[in-house]
Amino acid sequence: FKVMGMAPYGDAAKYDFSRLATFENGELIINTDYAN
């Protein structure tokens, strides 16, 4: 919830985090090269 509280101070468009996870064809896939 601290991350959530910090988020409004930043600009989400500055960094593209889409490489971390995708949701395609009904499946969520987390990129385990980076996280989890």
PDB file of all heavy atoms in Angstrom:
ATOM      1  N   PHE A   1       0.826  -1.212   0.000  1.00  0.00           N
ATOM      2  CA  PHE A   1       0.000   0.000   0.000  1.00  0.00           C
ATOM      3  C   PHE A   1       0.861   1.263   0.000  1.00  0.00           C
ATOM      4  O   PHE A   1       0.409   2.335  -0.381  1.00  0.00           O
ATOM      5  CB  PHE A   1      -0.984  -0.003   1.173  1.00  0.00           C
ATOM      6  CG  PHE A   1      -0.342   0.023   2.527  1.00  0.00           C
ATOM      7  CD1 PHE A   1      -0.137   1.230   3.182  1.00  0.00           C
ATOM      8  CD2 PHE A   1       0.065  -1.155   3.140  1.00  0.00           C
ATOM      9  CE1 PHE A   1       0.460   1.264   4.427  1.00  0.00           C
ATOM     10  CE2 PHE A   1       0.672  -1.127   4.389  1.00  0.00           C
ATOM     11  CZ  PHE A   1       0.870   0.092   5.033  1.00  0.00           C
ATOM     12  N   LYS A   2       2.141   1.129   0.393  1.00  0.00           N
ATOM     13  CA  LYS A   2       3.046   2.283   0.306  1.00  0.00           C
ATOM     14  C   LYS A   2       3.386   2.548  -1.169  1.00  0.00           C
ATOM     15  O   LYS A   2       3.488   3.703  -1.594  1.00  0.00           O
ATOM     16  CB  LYS A   2       4.330   2.020   1.098  1.00  0.00           C
ATOM     17  CG  LYS A   2       4.086   1.816   2.586  1.00  0.00           C
ATOM     18  CD  LYS A   2       5.391   1.540   3.319  1.00  0.00           C
ATOM     19  CE  LYS A   2       5.120   1.160   4.769  1.00  0.00           C
ATOM     20  NZ  LYS A   2       6.352   0.889   5.503  1.00  0.00           N
ATOM     21  N   VAL A   3       3.561   1.475  -1.929  1.00  0.00           N
ATOM     22  CA  VAL A   3       3.807   1.624  -3.379  1.00  0.00           C
ATOM     23  C   VAL A   3       2.607   2.308  -4.024  1.00  0.00           C
ATOM     24  O   VAL A   3       2.751   3.229  -4.833  1.00  0.00           O
ATOM     25  CB  VAL A   3       4.070   0.237  -4.031  1.00  0.00           C
ATOM     26  CG1 VAL A   3       4.204   0.363  -5.547  1.00  0.00           C
ATOM     27  CG2 VAL A   3       5.319  -0.408  -3.430  1.00  0.00           C
ATOM     28  N   MET A   4       1.406   1.865  -3.614  1.00  0.00           N
ATOM     29  CA  MET A   4       0.175   2.462  -4.142  1.00  0.00           C
ATOM     30  C   MET A   4       0.081   3.946  -3.762  1.00  0.00           C
ATOM     31  O   MET A   4      -0.342   4.778  -4.567  1.00  0.00           O
ATOM     32  CB  MET A   4      -1.011   1.691  -3.567  1.00  0.00           C
ATOM     33  CG  MET A   4      -2.352   2.062  -4.096  1.00  0.00           C
ATOM     34  SD  MET A   4      -3.620   0.982  -3.395  1.00  0.00           S
ATOM     35  CE  MET A   4      -3.545   1.414  -1.659  1.00  0.00           C
ATOM     36  N   GLY A   5       0.521   4.296  -2.554  1.00  0.00           N
ATOM     37  CA  GLY A   5       0.505   5.688  -2.101  1.00  0.00           C
ATOM     38  C   GLY A   5       1.550   6.543  -2.804  1.00  0.00           C
ATOM     39  O   GLY A   5       1.380   7.755  -2.988  1.00  0.00           O
ATOM     40  N   MET A   6       2.650   5.898  -3.234  1.00  0.00           N
ATOM     41  CA  MET A   6       3.738   6.597  -3.923  1.00  0.00           C
ATOM     42  C   MET A   6       3.380   6.850  -5.396  1.00  0.00           C
ATOM     43  O   MET A   6       3.804   7.850  -5.984  1.00  0.00           O
ATOM     44  CB  MET A   6       4.986   5.684  -3.872  1.00  0.00           C
ATOM     45  CG  MET A   6       6.292   6.394  -4.083  1.00  0.00           C
ATOM     46  SD  MET A   6       7.590   5.188  -4.520  1.00  0.00           S
ATOM     47  CE  MET A   6       8.450   4.982  -3.021  1.00  0.00           C
ATOM     48  N   ALA A   7       2.583   5.939  -5.972  1.00  0.00           N
ATOM     49  CA  ALA A   7       2.316   5.960  -7.417  1.00  0.00           C
ATOM     50  C   ALA A   7       1.798   7.302  -7.945  1.00  0.00           C
ATOM     51  O   ALA A   7       2.246   7.748  -9.013  1.00  0.00           O
ATOM     52  CB  ALA A   7       1.370   4.817  -7.786  1.00  0.00           C
ATOM     53  N   PRO A   8       0.871   7.995  -7.247  1.00  0.00           N
ATOM     54  CA  PRO A   8       0.357   9.253  -7.813  1.00  0.00           C
ATOM     55  C   PRO A   8       1.414  10.351  -7.975  1.00  0.00           C
ATOM     56  O   PRO A   8       1.190  11.316  -8.707  1.00  0.00           O
ATOM     57  CB  PRO A   8      -0.710   9.695  -6.798  1.00  0.00           C
ATOM     58  CG  PRO A   8      -1.087   8.458  -6.081  1.00  0.00           C
ATOM     59  CD  PRO A   8       0.137   7.609  -6.044  1.00  0.00           C
ATOM     60  N   TYR A   9       2.555  10.187  -7.314  1.00  0.00           N
ATOM     61  CA  TYR A   9       3.614  11.197  -7.447  1.00  0.00           C
ATOM     62  C   TYR A   9       4.444  10.982  -8.714  1.00  0.00           C
ATOM     63  O   TYR A   9       5.243  11.824  -9.084  1.00  0.00           O
ATOM     64  CB  TYR A   9       4.539  11.154  -6.214  1.00  0.00           C
ATOM     65  CG  TYR A   9       3.868  11.626  -4.952  1.00  0.00           C
ATOM     66  CD1 TYR A   9       3.146  10.749  -4.157  1.00  0.00           C
ATOM     67  CD2 TYR A   9       3.946  12.962  -4.558  1.00  0.00           C
ATOM     68  CE1 TYR A   9       2.513  11.185  -3.000  1.00  0.00           C
ATOM     69  CE2 TYR A   9       3.315  13.407  -3.398  1.00  0.00           C
ATOM     70  CZ  TYR A   9       2.603  12.513  -2.619  1.00  0.00           C
ATOM     71  OH  TYR A   9       1.981  12.948  -1.477  1.00  0.00           O
ATOM     72  N   GLY A  10       4.277   9.819  -9.341  1.00  0.00           N
ATOM     73  CA  GLY A  10       5.083   9.498 -10.526  1.00  0.00           C
ATOM     74  C   GLY A  10       4.282   9.546 -11.804  1.00  0.00           C
ATOM     75  O   GLY A  10       3.070   9.745 -11.804  1.00  0.00           O
ATOM     76  N   ASP A  11       4.970   9.303 -12.911  1.00  0.00           N
ATOM     77  CA  ASP A  11       4.358   9.298 -14.243  1.00  0.00           C
ATOM     78  C   ASP A  11       4.526   7.898 -14.830  1.00  0.00           C
ATOM     79  O   ASP A  11       5.633   7.493 -15.201  1.00  0.00           O
ATOM     80  CB  ASP A  11       5.052  10.359 -15.112  1.00  0.00           C
ATOM     81  CG  ASP A  11       4.536  10.361 -16.550  1.00  0.00           C
ATOM     82  OD1 ASP A  11       3.650   9.545 -16.872  1.00  0.00           O
ATOM     83  OD2 ASP A  11       5.027  11.169 -17.351  1.00  0.00           O
ATOM     84  N   ALA A  12       3.421   7.172 -14.902  1.00  0.00           N
ATOM     85  CA  ALA A  12       3.468   5.777 -15.369  1.00  0.00           C
ATOM     86  C   ALA A  12       3.981   5.660 -16.795  1.00  0.00           C
ATOM     87  O   ALA A  12       4.549   4.637 -17.185  1.00  0.00           O
ATOM     88  CB  ALA A  12       2.079   5.156 -15.266  1.00  0.00           C
ATOM     89  N   ALA A  13       3.798   6.713 -17.590  1.00  0.00           N
ATOM     90  CA  ALA A  13       4.191   6.659 -19.007  1.00  0.00           C
ATOM     91  C   ALA A  13       5.709   6.710 -19.197  1.00  0.00           C
ATOM     92  O   ALA A  13       6.213   6.427 -20.281  1.00  0.00           O
ATOM     93  CB  ALA A  13       3.530   7.795 -19.768  1.00  0.00           C
ATOM     94  N   LYS A  14       6.445   7.077 -18.151  1.00  0.00           N
ATOM     95  CA  LYS A  14       7.904   7.211 -18.291  1.00  0.00           C
ATOM     96  C   LYS A  14       8.611   5.870 -18.454  1.00  0.00           C
ATOM     97  O   LYS A  14       9.695   5.803 -19.001  1.00  0.00           O
ATOM     98  CB  LYS A  14       8.476   7.939 -17.064  1.00  0.00           C
ATOM     99  CG  LYS A  14       8.320   9.446 -17.140  1.00  0.00           C
ATOM    100  CD  LYS A  14       9.281  10.152 -16.208  1.00  0.00           C
ATOM    101  CE  LYS A  14       9.344  11.626 -16.561  1.00  0.00           C
ATOM    102  NZ  LYS A  14      10.317  12.348 -15.775  1.00  0.00           N
ATOM    103  N   TYR A  15       8.023   4.812 -17.915  1.00  0.00           N
ATOM    104  CA  TYR A  15       8.656   3.488 -18.005  1.00  0.00           C
ATOM    105  C   TYR A  15       7.616   2.469 -18.431  1.00  0.00           C
ATOM    106  O   TYR A  15       6.501   2.463 -17.924  1.00  0.00           O
ATOM    107  CB  TYR A  15       9.268   3.077 -16.649  1.00  0.00           C
ATOM    108  CG  TYR A  15      10.411   3.968 -16.248  1.00  0.00           C
ATOM    109  CD1 TYR A  15      10.200   5.073 -15.428  1.00  0.00           C
ATOM    110  CD2 TYR A  15      11.703   3.748 -16.725  1.00  0.00           C
ATOM    111  CE1 TYR A  15      11.241   5.928 -15.081  1.00  0.00           C
ATOM    112  CE2 TYR A  15      12.747   4.586 -16.386  1.00  0.00           C
ATOM    113  CZ  TYR A  15      12.514   5.681 -15.562  1.00  0.00           C
ATOM    114  OH  TYR A  15      13.548   6.513 -15.235  1.00  0.00           O
ATOM    115  N   ASP A  16       8.005   1.614 -19.350  1.00  0.00           N
ATOM    116  CA  ASP A  16       7.103   0.576 -19.845  1.00  0.00           C
ATOM    117  C   ASP A  16       7.393  -0.715 -19.084  1.00  0.00           C
ATOM    118  O   ASP A  16       8.450  -1.323 -19.254  1.00  0.00           O
ATOM    119  CB  ASP A  16       7.340   0.386 -21.347  1.00  0.00           C
ATOM    120  CG  ASP A  16       6.444  -0.692 -21.918  1.00  0.00           C
ATOM    121  OD1 ASP A  16       5.585  -1.215 -21.173  1.00  0.00           O
ATOM    122  OD2 ASP A  16       6.602  -1.027 -23.103  1.00  0.00           O
ATOM    123  N   PHE A  17       6.470  -1.122 -18.223  1.00  0.00           N
ATOM    124  CA  PHE A  17       6.665  -2.338 -17.412  1.00  0.00           C
ATOM    125  C   PHE A  17       6.025  -3.576 -18.042  1.00  0.00           C
ATOM    126  O   PHE A  17       5.946  -4.615 -17.414  1.00  0.00           O
ATOM    127  CB  PHE A  17       6.079  -2.109 -16.003  1.00  0.00           C
ATOM    128  CG  PHE A  17       7.069  -1.547 -15.016  1.00  0.00           C
ATOM    129  CD1 PHE A  17       8.126  -0.764 -15.424  1.00  0.00           C
ATOM    130  CD2 PHE A  17       6.948  -1.829 -13.656  1.00  0.00           C
ATOM    131  CE1 PHE A  17       9.049  -0.253 -14.513  1.00  0.00           C
ATOM    132  CE2 PHE A  17       7.870  -1.323 -12.729  1.00  0.00           C
ATOM    133  CZ  PHE A  17       8.915  -0.531 -13.160  1.00  0.00           C
ATOM    134  N   SER A  18       5.577  -3.431 -19.317  1.00  0.00           N
ATOM    135  CA  SER A  18       4.808  -4.535 -19.911  1.00  0.00           C
ATOM    136  C   SER A  18       5.617  -5.827 -20.049  1.00  0.00           C
ATOM    137  O   SER A  18       5.041  -6.908 -20.139  1.00  0.00           O
ATOM    138  CB  SER A  18       4.252  -4.118 -21.276  1.00  0.00           C
ATOM    139  OG  SER A  18       5.326  -3.782 -22.136  1.00  0.00           O
ATOM    140  N   ARG A  19       6.937  -5.728 -20.039  1.00  0.00           N
ATOM    141  CA  ARG A  19       7.738  -6.966 -20.148  1.00  0.00           C
ATOM    142  C   ARG A  19       7.593  -7.872 -18.910  1.00  0.00           C
ATOM    143  O   ARG A  19       7.959  -9.046 -18.941  1.00  0.00           O
ATOM    144  CB  ARG A  19       9.215  -6.628 -20.374  1.00  0.00           C
ATOM    145  CG  ARG A  19       9.913  -6.022 -19.146  1.00  0.00           C
ATOM    146  CD  ARG A  19      11.401  -5.843 -19.348  1.00  0.00           C
ATOM    147  NE  ARG A  19      11.689  -4.683 -20.193  1.00  0.00           N
ATOM    148  CZ  ARG A  19      12.921  -4.253 -20.451  1.00  0.00           C
ATOM    149  NH1 ARG A  19      13.968  -4.891 -19.948  1.00  0.00           N
ATOM    150  NH2 ARG A  19      13.116  -3.197 -21.200  1.00  0.00           N
ATOM    151  N   LEU A  20       7.108  -7.299 -17.798  1.00  0.00           N
ATOM    152  CA  LEU A  20       7.051  -8.070 -16.547  1.00  0.00           C
ATOM    153  C   LEU A  20       5.920  -9.093 -16.527  1.00  0.00           C
ATOM    154  O   LEU A  20       6.008 -10.094 -15.816  1.00  0.00           O
ATOM    155  CB  LEU A  20       6.892  -7.133 -15.345  1.00  0.00           C
ATOM    156  CG  LEU A  20       8.086  -6.222 -15.037  1.00  0.00           C
ATOM    157  CD1 LEU A  20       7.761  -5.292 -13.895  1.00  0.00           C
ATOM    158  CD2 LEU A  20       9.332  -7.056 -14.713  1.00  0.00           C
ATOM    159  N   ALA A  21       4.844  -8.823 -17.271  1.00  0.00           N
ATOM    160  CA  ALA A  21       3.705  -9.746 -17.233  1.00  0.00           C
ATOM    161  C   ALA A  21       2.798  -9.511 -18.429  1.00  0.00           C
ATOM    162  O   ALA A  21       2.670  -8.391 -18.906  1.00  0.00           O
ATOM    163  CB  ALA A  21       2.904  -9.532 -15.950  1.00  0.00           C
ATOM    164  N   THR A  22       2.156 -10.587 -18.878  1.00  0.00           N
ATOM    165  CA  THR A  22       1.182 -10.467 -19.966  1.00  0.00           C
ATOM    166  C   THR A  22      -0.068 -11.263 -19.621  1.00  0.00           C
ATOM    167  O   THR A  22      -0.002 -12.255 -18.879  1.00  0.00           O
ATOM    168  CB  THR A  22       1.736 -11.032 -21.299  1.00  0.00           C
ATOM    169  OG1 THR A  22       2.169 -12.397 -21.063  1.00  0.00           O
ATOM    170  CG2 THR A  22       2.887 -10.211 -21.816  1.00  0.00           C
ATOM    171  N   PHE A  23      -1.189 -10.837 -20.170  1.00  0.00           N
ATOM    172  CA  PHE A  23      -2.423 -11.618 -20.072  1.00  0.00           C
ATOM    173  C   PHE A  23      -2.932 -11.817 -21.490  1.00  0.00           C
ATOM    174  O   PHE A  23      -3.367 -10.876 -22.150  1.00  0.00           O
ATOM    175  CB  PHE A  23      -3.462 -10.890 -19.215  1.00  0.00           C
ATOM    176  CG  PHE A  23      -4.759 -11.647 -19.102  1.00  0.00           C
ATOM    177  CD1 PHE A  23      -4.819 -12.839 -18.381  1.00  0.00           C
ATOM    178  CD2 PHE A  23      -5.916 -11.192 -19.730  1.00  0.00           C
ATOM    179  CE1 PHE A  23      -6.008 -13.563 -18.291  1.00  0.00           C
ATOM    180  CE2 PHE A  23      -7.101 -11.905 -19.649  1.00  0.00           C
ATOM    181  CZ  PHE A  23      -7.146 -13.091 -18.922  1.00  0.00           C
ATOM    182  N   GLU A  24      -2.776 -13.062 -21.980  1.00  0.00           N
ATOM    183  CA  GLU A  24      -3.167 -13.369 -23.358  1.00  0.00           C
ATOM    184  C   GLU A  24      -3.898 -14.696 -23.412  1.00  0.00           C
ATOM    185  O   GLU A  24      -3.506 -15.649 -22.733  1.00  0.00           O
ATOM    186  CB  GLU A  24      -1.912 -13.458 -24.253  1.00  0.00           C
ATOM    187  CG  GLU A  24      -1.338 -12.093 -24.621  1.00  0.00           C
ATOM    188  CD  GLU A  24       0.055 -12.210 -25.237  1.00  0.00           C
ATOM    189  OE1 GLU A  24       0.481 -13.338 -25.535  1.00  0.00           O
ATOM    190  OE2 GLU A  24       0.709 -11.161 -25.400  1.00  0.00           O
ATOM    191  N   ASN A  25      -4.944 -14.744 -24.220  1.00  0.00           N
ATOM    192  CA  ASN A  25      -5.735 -15.973 -24.398  1.00  0.00           C
ATOM    193  C   ASN A  25      -6.151 -16.587 -23.061  1.00  0.00           C
ATOM    194  O   ASN A  25      -6.107 -17.809 -22.873  1.00  0.00           O
ATOM    195  CB  ASN A  25      -4.954 -17.013 -25.218  1.00  0.00           C
ATOM    196  CG  ASN A  25      -4.489 -16.432 -26.532  1.00  0.00           C
ATOM    197  OD1 ASN A  25      -5.233 -15.685 -27.177  1.00  0.00           O
ATOM    198  ND2 ASN A  25      -3.265 -16.733 -26.929  1.00  0.00           N
ATOM    199  N   GLY A  26      -6.516 -15.709 -22.119  1.00  0.00           N
ATOM    200  CA  GLY A  26      -7.026 -16.214 -20.842  1.00  0.00           C
ATOM    201  C   GLY A  26      -5.972 -16.672 -19.863  1.00  0.00           C
ATOM    202  O   GLY A  26      -6.303 -17.238 -18.814  1.00  0.00           O
ATOM    203  N   GLU A  27      -4.703 -16.477 -20.184  1.00  0.00           N
ATOM    204  CA  GLU A  27      -3.649 -16.921 -19.255  1.00  0.00           C
ATOM    205  C   GLU A  27      -2.777 -15.740 -18.822  1.00  0.00           C
ATOM    206  O   GLU A  27      -2.331 -14.951 -19.660  1.00  0.00           O
ATOM    207  CB  GLU A  27      -2.748 -17.985 -19.918  1.00  0.00           C
ATOM    208  CG  GLU A  27      -3.440 -19.317 -20.165  1.00  0.00           C
ATOM    209  CD  GLU A  27      -3.925 -20.026 -18.903  1.00  0.00           C
ATOM    210  OE1 GLU A  27      -3.281 -19.864 -17.837  1.00  0.00           O
ATOM    211  OE2 GLU A  27      -4.956 -20.722 -18.969  1.00  0.00           O
ATOM    212  N   LEU A  28      -2.527 -15.663 -17.539  1.00  0.00           N
ATOM    213  CA  LEU A  28      -1.592 -14.676 -16.995  1.00  0.00           C
ATOM    214  C   LEU A  28      -0.204 -15.309 -16.943  1.00  0.00           C
ATOM    215  O   LEU A  28      -0.049 -16.416 -16.432  1.00  0.00           O
ATOM    216  CB  LEU A  28      -2.020 -14.277 -15.573  1.00  0.00           C
ATOM    217  CG  LEU A  28      -1.051 -13.360 -14.819  1.00  0.00           C
ATOM    218  CD1 LEU A  28      -1.088 -11.937 -15.388  1.00  0.00           C
ATOM    219  CD2 LEU A  28      -1.383 -13.326 -13.329  1.00  0.00           C
ATOM    220  N   ILE A  29       0.788 -14.627 -17.515  1.00  0.00           N
ATOM    221  CA  ILE A  29       2.155 -15.153 -17.460  1.00  0.00           C
ATOM    222  C   ILE A  29       3.082 -14.076 -16.909  1.00  0.00           C
ATOM    223  O   ILE A  29       3.187 -12.984 -17.465  1.00  0.00           O
ATOM    224  CB  ILE A  29       2.647 -15.630 -18.843  1.00  0.00           C
ATOM    225  CG1 ILE A  29       1.775 -16.795 -19.324  1.00  0.00           C
ATOM    226  CG2 ILE A  29       4.112 -16.078 -18.772  1.00  0.00           C
ATOM    227  CD1 ILE A  29       1.876 -17.100 -20.779  1.00  0.00           C
ATOM    228  N   ILE A  30       3.710 -14.377 -15.783  1.00  0.00           N
ATOM    229  CA  ILE A  30       4.687 -13.473 -15.180  1.00  0.00           C
ATOM    230  C   ILE A  30       6.061 -13.823 -15.745  1.00  0.00           C
ATOM    231  O   ILE A  30       6.398 -15.001 -15.877  1.00  0.00           O
ATOM    232  CB  ILE A  30       4.706 -13.630 -13.635  1.00  0.00           C
ATOM    233  CG1 ILE A  30       3.308 -13.384 -13.042  1.00  0.00           C
ATOM    234  CG2 ILE A  30       5.749 -12.694 -13.004  1.00  0.00           C
ATOM    235  CD1 ILE A  30       2.747 -12.001 -13.178  1.00  0.00           C
ATOM    236  N   ASN A  31       6.841 -12.822 -16.084  1.00  0.00           N
ATOM    237  CA  ASN A  31       8.179 -13.054 -16.629  1.00  0.00           C
ATOM    238  C   ASN A  31       9.147 -13.367 -15.478  1.00  0.00           C
ATOM    239  O   ASN A  31       9.629 -12.468 -14.798  1.00  0.00           O
ATOM    240  CB  ASN A  31       8.631 -11.818 -17.402  1.00  0.00           C
ATOM    241  CG  ASN A  31       9.937 -12.046 -18.127  1.00  0.00           C
ATOM    242  OD1 ASN A  31      10.690 -12.962 -17.793  1.00  0.00           O
ATOM    243  ND2 ASN A  31      10.217 -11.219 -19.115  1.00  0.00           N
ATOM    244  N   THR A  32       9.419 -14.663 -15.309  1.00  0.00           N
ATOM    245  CA  THR A  32      10.257 -15.086 -14.168  1.00  0.00           C
ATOM    246  C   THR A  32      11.757 -14.892 -14.440  1.00  0.00           C
ATOM    247  O   THR A  32      12.590 -15.371 -13.678  1.00  0.00           O
ATOM    248  CB  THR A  32       9.967 -16.549 -13.772  1.00  0.00           C
ATOM    249  OG1 THR A  32      10.099 -17.368 -14.934  1.00  0.00           O
ATOM    250  CG2 THR A  32       8.582 -16.711 -13.186  1.00  0.00           C
ATOM    251  N   ASP A  33      12.076 -14.180 -15.528  1.00  0.00           N
ATOM    252  CA  ASP A  33      13.461 -13.701 -15.652  1.00  0.00           C
ATOM    253  C   ASP A  33      13.677 -12.525 -14.685  1.00  0.00           C
ATOM    254  O   ASP A  33      14.805 -12.233 -14.299  1.00  0.00           O
ATOM    255  CB  ASP A  33      13.752 -13.200 -17.079  1.00  0.00           C
ATOM    256  CG  ASP A  33      13.911 -14.353 -18.051  1.00  0.00           C
ATOM    257  OD1 ASP A  33      14.105 -15.493 -17.580  1.00  0.00           O
ATOM    258  OD2 ASP A  33      13.816 -14.109 -19.272  1.00  0.00           O
ATOM    259  N   TYR A  34      12.566 -11.841 -14.340  1.00  0.00           N
ATOM    260  CA  TYR A  34      12.664 -10.606 -13.545  1.00  0.00           C
ATOM    261  C   TYR A  34      12.076 -10.732 -12.142  1.00  0.00           C
ATOM    262  O   TYR A  34      12.605 -10.181 -11.196  1.00  0.00           O
ATOM    263  CB  TYR A  34      11.931  -9.457 -14.255  1.00  0.00           C
ATOM    264  CG  TYR A  34      12.572  -9.016 -15.538  1.00  0.00           C
ATOM    265  CD1 TYR A  34      12.120  -9.482 -16.773  1.00  0.00           C
ATOM    266  CD2 TYR A  34      13.638  -8.124 -15.526  1.00  0.00           C
ATOM    267  CE1 TYR A  34      12.714  -9.073 -17.961  1.00  0.00           C
ATOM    268  CE2 TYR A  34      14.237  -7.703 -16.703  1.00  0.00           C
ATOM    269  CZ  TYR A  34      13.770  -8.179 -17.919  1.00  0.00           C
ATOM    270  OH  TYR A  34      14.358  -7.769 -19.086  1.00  0.00           O
ATOM    271  N   ALA A  35      10.921 -11.392 -12.019  1.00  0.00           N
ATOM    272  CA  ALA A  35      10.192 -11.353 -10.747  1.00  0.00           C
ATOM    273  C   ALA A  35       9.528 -12.699 -10.461  1.00  0.00           C
ATOM    274  O   ALA A  35       9.442 -13.560 -11.333  1.00  0.00           O
ATOM    275  CB  ALA A  35       9.143 -10.261 -10.785  1.00  0.00           C
ATOM    276  N   ASN A  36       9.030 -12.831  -9.215  1.00  0.00           N
ATOM    277  CA  ASN A  36       8.480 -14.099  -8.724  1.00  0.00           C
ATOM    278  C   ASN A  36       9.506 -15.211  -8.885  1.00  0.00           C
ATOM    279  O   ASN A  36       9.192 -16.312  -9.350  1.00  0.00           O
ATOM    280  CB  ASN A  36       7.186 -14.488  -9.449  1.00  0.00           C
ATOM    281  CG  ASN A  36       6.034 -13.605  -9.040  1.00  0.00           C
ATOM    282  OD1 ASN A  36       6.248 -12.529  -8.492  1.00  0.00           O
ATOM    283  ND2 ASN A  36       4.822 -14.021  -9.293  1.00  0.00           N
TER     284      ASN A  36
END
